[in-house]
Amino acid sequence: MKKLKNEKDLLKKAIAAGVKYGETRGAVEFESTDSANEKIEYIYRLLVHDSLIQPIPEDQVSQKTMRHKLAIWASKL
């Protein structure tokens, strides 16, 4: 897994876009007390469910890989 140049910024963009997507779709309402890790996991699983991103093999799913996958998704927005 090759790290992206501006992965942190892309992850912030992915979280913002994912929160907006999830709430617009009516699938979730995020609270201000939700941690970034919870948001990342929920957004990742929602995008996989809606076939917007390719799933990572279940034995390889971790916070690091989900963050990377969301950063790649945000780079294409």
PDB file of N, CA and C in Angstrom:
ATOM      1  N   MET A   1       0.851  -1.173   0.000  1.00  0.00           N
ATOM      2  CA  MET A   1       0.000   0.000   0.000  1.00  0.00           C
ATOM      3  C   MET A   1       0.896   1.235   0.000  1.00  0.00           C
ATOM      4  N   LYS A   2       0.811   1.987  -1.070  1.00  0.00           N
ATOM      5  CA  LYS A   2       1.639   3.179  -1.230  1.00  0.00           C
ATOM      6  C   LYS A   2       0.926   4.381  -0.617  1.00  0.00           C
ATOM      7  N   LYS A   3       1.600   5.081   0.277  1.00  0.00           N
ATOM      8  CA  LYS A   3       1.002   6.236   0.937  1.00  0.00           C
ATOM      9  C   LYS A   3       0.861   7.391  -0.054  1.00  0.00           C
ATOM     10  N   LEU A   4      -0.282   8.054   0.013  1.00  0.00           N
ATOM     11  CA  LEU A   4      -0.526   9.197  -0.854  1.00  0.00           C
ATOM     12  C   LEU A   4       0.200  10.420  -0.310  1.00  0.00           C
ATOM     13  N   LYS A   5       0.471  11.357  -1.185  1.00  0.00           N
ATOM     14  CA  LYS A   5       1.232  12.539  -0.808  1.00  0.00           C
ATOM     15  C   LYS A   5       0.541  13.365   0.274  1.00  0.00           C
ATOM     16  N   ASN A   6      -0.721  13.649   0.096  1.00  0.00           N
ATOM     17  CA  ASN A   6      -1.468  14.474   1.041  1.00  0.00           C
ATOM     18  C   ASN A   6      -2.625  13.674   1.642  1.00  0.00           C
ATOM     19  N   GLU A   7      -2.299  12.506   2.171  1.00  0.00           N
ATOM     20  CA  GLU A   7      -3.322  11.574   2.639  1.00  0.00           C
ATOM     21  C   GLU A   7      -4.160  12.144   3.787  1.00  0.00           C
ATOM     22  N   LYS A   8      -3.543  12.904   4.692  1.00  0.00           N
ATOM     23  CA  LYS A   8      -4.298  13.479   5.812  1.00  0.00           C
ATOM     24  C   LYS A   8      -5.372  14.442   5.325  1.00  0.00           C
ATOM     25  N   ASP A   9      -5.015  15.304   4.397  1.00  0.00           N
ATOM     26  CA  ASP A   9      -5.981  16.257   3.863  1.00  0.00           C
ATOM     27  C   ASP A   9      -7.093  15.540   3.102  1.00  0.00           C
ATOM     28  N   LEU A  10      -6.721  14.529   2.338  1.00  0.00           N
ATOM     29  CA  LEU A  10      -7.714  13.763   1.595  1.00  0.00           C
ATOM     30  C   LEU A  10      -8.659  13.018   2.538  1.00  0.00           C
ATOM     31  N   LEU A  11      -8.125  12.537   3.666  1.00  0.00           N
ATOM     32  CA  LEU A  11      -8.960  11.840   4.632  1.00  0.00           C
ATOM     33  C   LEU A  11      -9.975  12.802   5.238  1.00  0.00           C
ATOM     34  N   LYS A  12      -9.555  14.022   5.553  1.00  0.00           N
ATOM     35  CA  LYS A  12     -10.491  15.031   6.080  1.00  0.00           C
ATOM     36  C   LYS A  12     -11.593  15.316   5.061  1.00  0.00           C
ATOM     37  N   LYS A  13     -11.200  15.427   3.798  1.00  0.00           N
ATOM     38  CA  LYS A  13     -12.167  15.663   2.723  1.00  0.00           C
ATOM     39  C   LYS A  13     -13.121  14.469   2.607  1.00  0.00           C
ATOM     40  N   ALA A  14     -12.584  13.250   2.729  1.00  0.00           N
ATOM     41  CA  ALA A  14     -13.402  12.035   2.623  1.00  0.00           C
ATOM     42  C   ALA A  14     -14.400  11.951   3.768  1.00  0.00           C
ATOM     43  N   ILE A  15     -13.979  12.307   4.975  1.00  0.00           N
ATOM     44  CA  ILE A  15     -14.888  12.262   6.114  1.00  0.00           C
ATOM     45  C   ILE A  15     -16.014  13.266   5.919  1.00  0.00           C
ATOM     46  N   ALA A  16     -15.660  14.490   5.502  1.00  0.00           N
ATOM     47  CA  ALA A  16     -16.696  15.514   5.281  1.00  0.00           C
ATOM     48  C   ALA A  16     -17.672  15.078   4.188  1.00  0.00           C
ATOM     49  N   ALA A  17     -17.152  14.565   3.083  1.00  0.00           N
ATOM     50  CA  ALA A  17     -18.009  14.127   1.977  1.00  0.00           C
ATOM     51  C   ALA A  17     -18.828  12.897   2.379  1.00  0.00           C
ATOM     52  N   GLY A  18     -18.221  11.988   3.121  1.00  0.00           N
ATOM     53  CA  GLY A  18     -18.913  10.780   3.558  1.00  0.00           C
ATOM     54  C   GLY A  18     -20.037  11.070   4.536  1.00  0.00           C
ATOM     55  N   VAL A  19     -19.796  12.011   5.462  1.00  0.00           N
ATOM     56  CA  VAL A  19     -20.832  12.405   6.412  1.00  0.00           C
ATOM     57  C   VAL A  19     -22.006  13.022   5.654  1.00  0.00           C
ATOM     58  N   LYS A  20     -21.695  13.905   4.720  1.00  0.00           N
ATOM     59  CA  LYS A  20     -22.745  14.548   3.930  1.00  0.00           C
ATOM     60  C   LYS A  20     -23.513  13.498   3.121  1.00  0.00           C
ATOM     61  N   TYR A  21     -22.793  12.556   2.498  1.00  0.00           N
ATOM     62  CA  TYR A  21     -23.426  11.509   1.696  1.00  0.00           C
ATOM     63  C   TYR A  21     -24.346  10.648   2.559  1.00  0.00           C
ATOM     64  N   GLY A  22     -23.849  10.211   3.709  1.00  0.00           N
ATOM     65  CA  GLY A  22     -24.633   9.345   4.591  1.00  0.00           C
ATOM     66  C   GLY A  22     -25.883  10.018   5.121  1.00  0.00           C
ATOM     67  N   GLU A  23     -25.755  11.295   5.481  1.00  0.00           N
ATOM     68  CA  GLU A  23     -26.913  12.015   6.011  1.00  0.00           C
ATOM     69  C   GLU A  23     -27.909  12.360   4.908  1.00  0.00           C
ATOM     70  N   THR A  24     -27.419  12.705   3.728  1.00  0.00           N
ATOM     71  CA  THR A  24     -28.300  12.998   2.602  1.00  0.00           C
ATOM     72  C   THR A  24     -29.070  11.743   2.190  1.00  0.00           C
ATOM     73  N   ARG A  25     -28.390  10.628   2.208  1.00  0.00           N
ATOM     74  CA  ARG A  25     -29.007   9.354   1.846  1.00  0.00           C
ATOM     75  C   ARG A  25     -30.015   8.911   2.902  1.00  0.00           C
ATOM     76  N   GLY A  26     -29.889   9.452   4.106  1.00  0.00           N
ATOM     77  CA  GLY A  26     -30.796   9.086   5.192  1.00  0.00           C
ATOM     78  C   GLY A  26     -30.379   7.828   5.920  1.00  0.00           C
ATOM     79  N   ALA A  27     -29.139   7.420   5.742  1.00  0.00           N
ATOM     80  CA  ALA A  27     -28.662   6.181   6.344  1.00  0.00           C
ATOM     81  C   ALA A  27     -28.151   6.385   7.769  1.00  0.00           C
ATOM     82  N   VAL A  28     -27.754   7.609   8.107  1.00  0.00           N
ATOM     83  CA  VAL A  28     -27.115   7.837   9.406  1.00  0.00           C
ATOM     84  C   VAL A  28     -27.237   9.297   9.803  1.00  0.00           C
ATOM     85  N   GLU A  29     -27.176   9.534  11.097  1.00  0.00           N
ATOM     86  CA  GLU A  29     -27.039  10.888  11.619  1.00  0.00           C
ATOM     87  C   GLU A  29     -25.840  10.863  12.547  1.00  0.00           C
ATOM     88  N   PHE A  30     -24.783  11.538  12.175  1.00  0.00           N
ATOM     89  CA  PHE A  30     -23.584  11.565  12.999  1.00  0.00           C
ATOM     90  C   PHE A  30     -23.748  12.585  14.110  1.00  0.00           C
ATOM     91  N   GLU A  31     -23.218  12.256  15.281  1.00  0.00           N
ATOM     92  CA  GLU A  31     -23.216  13.159  16.425  1.00  0.00           C
ATOM     93  C   GLU A  31     -21.839  13.801  16.534  1.00  0.00           C
ATOM     94  N   SER A  32     -21.776  14.929  17.215  1.00  0.00           N
ATOM     95  CA  SER A  32     -20.482  15.600  17.385  1.00  0.00           C
ATOM     96  C   SER A  32     -19.560  14.790  18.296  1.00  0.00           C
ATOM     97  N   THR A  33     -20.130  13.872  19.064  1.00  0.00           N
ATOM     98  CA  THR A  33     -19.322  13.056  19.971  1.00  0.00           C
ATOM     99  C   THR A  33     -18.759  11.804  19.306  1.00  0.00           C
ATOM    100  N   ASP A  34     -19.169  11.528  18.065  1.00  0.00           N
ATOM    101  CA  ASP A  34     -18.639  10.362  17.344  1.00  0.00           C
ATOM    102  C   ASP A  34     -17.165  10.580  17.043  1.00  0.00           C
ATOM    103  N   SER A  35     -16.366   9.550  17.292  1.00  0.00           N
ATOM    104  CA  SER A  35     -14.929   9.673  17.018  1.00  0.00           C
ATOM    105  C   SER A  35     -14.665   9.557  15.520  1.00  0.00           C
ATOM    106  N   ALA A  36     -13.506  10.019  15.116  1.00  0.00           N
ATOM    107  CA  ALA A  36     -13.125   9.940  13.701  1.00  0.00           C
ATOM    108  C   ALA A  36     -13.053   8.478  13.258  1.00  0.00           C
ATOM    109  N   ASN A  37     -12.563   7.607  14.125  1.00  0.00           N
ATOM    110  CA  ASN A  37     -12.464   6.188  13.770  1.00  0.00           C
ATOM    111  C   ASN A  37     -13.837   5.578  13.504  1.00  0.00           C
ATOM    112  N   GLU A  38     -14.829   5.951  14.311  1.00  0.00           N
ATOM    113  CA  GLU A  38     -16.185   5.441  14.092  1.00  0.00           C
ATOM    114  C   GLU A  38     -16.744   5.949  12.770  1.00  0.00           C
ATOM    115  N   LYS A  39     -16.525   7.229  12.483  1.00  0.00           N
ATOM    116  CA  LYS A  39     -17.000   7.804  11.229  1.00  0.00           C
ATOM    117  C   LYS A  39     -16.337   7.120  10.038  1.00  0.00           C
ATOM    118  N   ILE A  40     -15.022   6.909  10.137  1.00  0.00           N
ATOM    119  CA  ILE A  40     -14.271   6.278   9.054  1.00  0.00           C
ATOM    120  C   ILE A  40     -14.820   4.884   8.763  1.00  0.00           C
ATOM    121  N   GLU A  41     -15.025   4.101   9.824  1.00  0.00           N
ATOM    122  CA  GLU A  41     -15.518   2.743   9.612  1.00  0.00           C
ATOM    123  C   GLU A  41     -16.926   2.748   9.024  1.00  0.00           C
ATOM    124  N   TYR A  42     -17.803   3.601   9.544  1.00  0.00           N
ATOM    125  CA  TYR A  42     -19.173   3.631   9.032  1.00  0.00           C
ATOM    126  C   TYR A  42     -19.204   4.093   7.586  1.00  0.00           C
ATOM    127  N   ILE A  43     -18.452   5.144   7.268  1.00  0.00           N
ATOM    128  CA  ILE A  43     -18.427   5.663   5.896  1.00  0.00           C
ATOM    129  C   ILE A  43     -17.871   4.600   4.942  1.00  0.00           C
ATOM    130  N   TYR A  44     -16.790   3.942   5.358  1.00  0.00           N
ATOM    131  CA  TYR A  44     -16.194   2.888   4.524  1.00  0.00           C
ATOM    132  C   TYR A  44     -17.231   1.801   4.230  1.00  0.00           C
ATOM    133  N   ARG A  45     -17.891   1.311   5.276  1.00  0.00           N
ATOM    134  CA  ARG A  45     -18.859   0.223   5.100  1.00  0.00           C
ATOM    135  C   ARG A  45     -20.061   0.670   4.260  1.00  0.00           C
ATOM    136  N   LEU A  46     -20.489   1.917   4.418  1.00  0.00           N
ATOM    137  CA  LEU A  46     -21.596   2.441   3.624  1.00  0.00           C
ATOM    138  C   LEU A  46     -21.220   2.523   2.151  1.00  0.00           C
ATOM    139  N   LEU A  47     -20.019   3.025   1.864  1.00  0.00           N
ATOM    140  CA  LEU A  47     -19.576   3.148   0.476  1.00  0.00           C
ATOM    141  C   LEU A  47     -19.400   1.779  -0.181  1.00  0.00           C
ATOM    142  N   VAL A  48     -18.918   0.814   0.581  1.00  0.00           N
ATOM    143  CA  VAL A  48     -18.791  -0.553   0.053  1.00  0.00           C
ATOM    144  C   VAL A  48     -20.180  -1.117  -0.218  1.00  0.00           C
ATOM    145  N   HIS A  49     -21.098  -0.914   0.714  1.00  0.00           N
ATOM    146  CA  HIS A  49     -22.470  -1.423   0.547  1.00  0.00           C
ATOM    147  C   HIS A  49     -23.134  -0.829  -0.688  1.00  0.00           C
ATOM    148  N   ASP A  50     -22.888   0.449  -0.950  1.00  0.00           N
ATOM    149  CA  ASP A  50     -23.481   1.113  -2.111  1.00  0.00           C
ATOM    150  C   ASP A  50     -22.648   0.932  -3.378  1.00  0.00           C
ATOM    151  N   SER A  51     -21.620   0.113  -3.311  1.00  0.00           N
ATOM    152  CA  SER A  51     -20.739  -0.206  -4.449  1.00  0.00           C
ATOM    153  C   SER A  51     -20.049   1.031  -5.041  1.00  0.00           C
ATOM    154  N   LEU A  52     -19.703   1.984  -4.184  1.00  0.00           N
ATOM    155  CA  LEU A  52     -18.972   3.165  -4.651  1.00  0.00           C
ATOM    156  C   LEU A  52     -17.466   2.967  -4.570  1.00  0.00           C
ATOM    157  N   ILE A  53     -17.030   2.036  -3.723  1.00  0.00           N
ATOM    158  CA  ILE A  53     -15.611   1.676  -3.648  1.00  0.00           C
ATOM    159  C   ILE A  53     -15.502   0.159  -3.559  1.00  0.00           C
ATOM    160  N   GLN A  54     -14.348  -0.346  -3.970  1.00  0.00           N
ATOM    161  CA  GLN A  54     -14.075  -1.779  -3.900  1.00  0.00           C
ATOM    162  C   GLN A  54     -13.784  -2.172  -2.452  1.00  0.00           C
ATOM    163  N   PRO A  55     -14.357  -3.264  -1.978  1.00  0.00           N
ATOM    164  CA  PRO A  55     -14.082  -3.681  -0.596  1.00  0.00           C
ATOM    165  C   PRO A  55     -12.670  -4.246  -0.445  1.00  0.00           C
ATOM    166  N   ILE A  56     -12.149  -4.065   0.750  1.00  0.00           N
ATOM    167  CA  ILE A  56     -10.863  -4.663   1.120  1.00  0.00           C
ATOM    168  C   ILE A  56     -11.189  -6.071   1.636  1.00  0.00           C
ATOM    169  N   PRO A  57     -10.364  -7.079   1.332  1.00  0.00           N
ATOM    170  CA  PRO A  57     -10.622  -8.414   1.887  1.00  0.00           C
ATOM    171  C   PRO A  57     -10.786  -8.321   3.413  1.00  0.00           C
ATOM    172  N   GLU A  58     -11.794  -9.007   3.944  1.00  0.00           N
ATOM    173  CA  GLU A  58     -12.181  -8.844   5.352  1.00  0.00           C
ATOM    174  C   GLU A  58     -11.031  -9.103   6.327  1.00  0.00           C
ATOM    175  N   ASP A  59     -10.107  -9.999   5.986  1.00  0.00           N
ATOM    176  CA  ASP A  59      -8.987 -10.277   6.883  1.00  0.00           C
ATOM    177  C   ASP A  59      -7.927  -9.166   6.859  1.00  0.00           C
ATOM    178  N   GLN A  60      -8.039  -8.230   5.937  1.00  0.00           N
ATOM    179  CA  GLN A  60      -7.079  -7.130   5.830  1.00  0.00           C
ATOM    180  C   GLN A  60      -7.666  -5.789   6.261  1.00  0.00           C
ATOM    181  N   VAL A  61      -8.927  -5.774   6.691  1.00  0.00           N
ATOM    182  CA  VAL A  61      -9.576  -4.521   7.079  1.00  0.00           C
ATOM    183  C   VAL A  61      -9.008  -4.046   8.408  1.00  0.00           C
ATOM    184  N   SER A  62      -8.515  -2.807   8.417  1.00  0.00           N
ATOM    185  CA  SER A  62      -8.028  -2.154   9.632  1.00  0.00           C
ATOM    186  C   SER A  62      -8.263  -0.662   9.473  1.00  0.00           C
ATOM    187  N   GLN A  63      -8.048   0.082  10.531  1.00  0.00           N
ATOM    188  CA  GLN A  63      -8.213   1.529  10.446  1.00  0.00           C
ATOM    189  C   GLN A  63      -7.287   2.111   9.379  1.00  0.00           C
ATOM    190  N   LYS A  64      -6.067   1.606   9.335  1.00  0.00           N
ATOM    191  CA  LYS A  64      -5.090   2.122   8.378  1.00  0.00           C
ATOM    192  C   LYS A  64      -5.545   1.899   6.932  1.00  0.00           C
ATOM    193  N   THR A  65      -6.028   0.702   6.631  1.00  0.00           N
ATOM    194  CA  THR A  65      -6.443   0.409   5.263  1.00  0.00           C
ATOM    195  C   THR A  65      -7.739   1.145   4.900  1.00  0.00           C
ATOM    196  N   MET A  66      -8.653   1.287   5.876  1.00  0.00           N
ATOM    197  CA  MET A  66      -9.885   2.030   5.599  1.00  0.00           C
ATOM    198  C   MET A  66      -9.572   3.506   5.350  1.00  0.00           C
ATOM    199  N   ARG A  67      -8.653   4.071   6.139  1.00  0.00           N
ATOM    200  CA  ARG A  67      -8.252   5.466   5.940  1.00  0.00           C
ATOM    201  C   ARG A  67      -7.669   5.659   4.544  1.00  0.00           C
ATOM    202  N   HIS A  68      -6.814   4.731   4.145  1.00  0.00           N
ATOM    203  CA  HIS A  68      -6.171   4.817   2.829  1.00  0.00           C
ATOM    204  C   HIS A  68      -7.210   4.722   1.715  1.00  0.00           C
ATOM    205  N   LYS A  69      -8.139   3.783   1.858  1.00  0.00           N
ATOM    206  CA  LYS A  69      -9.178   3.594   0.829  1.00  0.00           C
ATOM    207  C   LYS A  69     -10.062   4.830   0.712  1.00  0.00           C
ATOM    208  N   LEU A  70     -10.409   5.447   1.843  1.00  0.00           N
ATOM    209  CA  LEU A  70     -11.227   6.654   1.813  1.00  0.00           C
ATOM    210  C   LEU A  70     -10.457   7.830   1.220  1.00  0.00           C
ATOM    211  N   ALA A  71      -9.159   7.894   1.490  1.00  0.00           N
ATOM    212  CA  ALA A  71      -8.336   8.970   0.914  1.00  0.00           C
ATOM    213  C   ALA A  71      -8.284   8.833  -0.615  1.00  0.00           C
ATOM    214  N   ILE A  72      -8.178   7.612  -1.094  1.00  0.00           N
ATOM    215  CA  ILE A  72      -8.177   7.388  -2.554  1.00  0.00           C
ATOM    216  C   ILE A  72      -9.527   7.810  -3.138  1.00  0.00           C
ATOM    217  N   TRP A  73     -10.616   7.442  -2.454  1.00  0.00           N
ATOM    218  CA  TRP A  73     -11.957   7.819  -2.903  1.00  0.00           C
ATOM    219  C   TRP A  73     -12.085   9.344  -2.966  1.00  0.00           C
ATOM    220  N   ALA A  74     -11.583  10.039  -1.936  1.00  0.00           N
ATOM    221  CA  ALA A  74     -11.680  11.506  -1.899  1.00  0.00           C
ATOM    222  C   ALA A  74     -10.859  12.144  -3.001  1.00  0.00           C
ATOM    223  N   SER A  75      -9.767  11.518  -3.373  1.00  0.00           N
ATOM    224  CA  SER A  75      -8.915  12.102  -4.431  1.00  0.00           C
ATOM    225  C   SER A  75      -9.627  12.083  -5.776  1.00  0.00           C
ATOM    226  N   LYS A  76     -10.641  11.226  -5.915  1.00  0.00           N
ATOM    227  CA  LYS A  76     -11.359  11.119  -7.179  1.00  0.00           C
ATOM    228  C   LYS A  76     -12.636  11.951  -7.210  1.00  0.00           C
ATOM    229  N   LEU A  77     -12.954  12.610  -6.105  1.00  0.00           N
ATOM    230  CA  LEU A  77     -14.175  13.440  -6.060  1.00  0.00           C
ATOM    231  C   LEU A  77     -13.984  14.735  -6.803  1.00  0.00           C
TER     232      LEU A  77
END
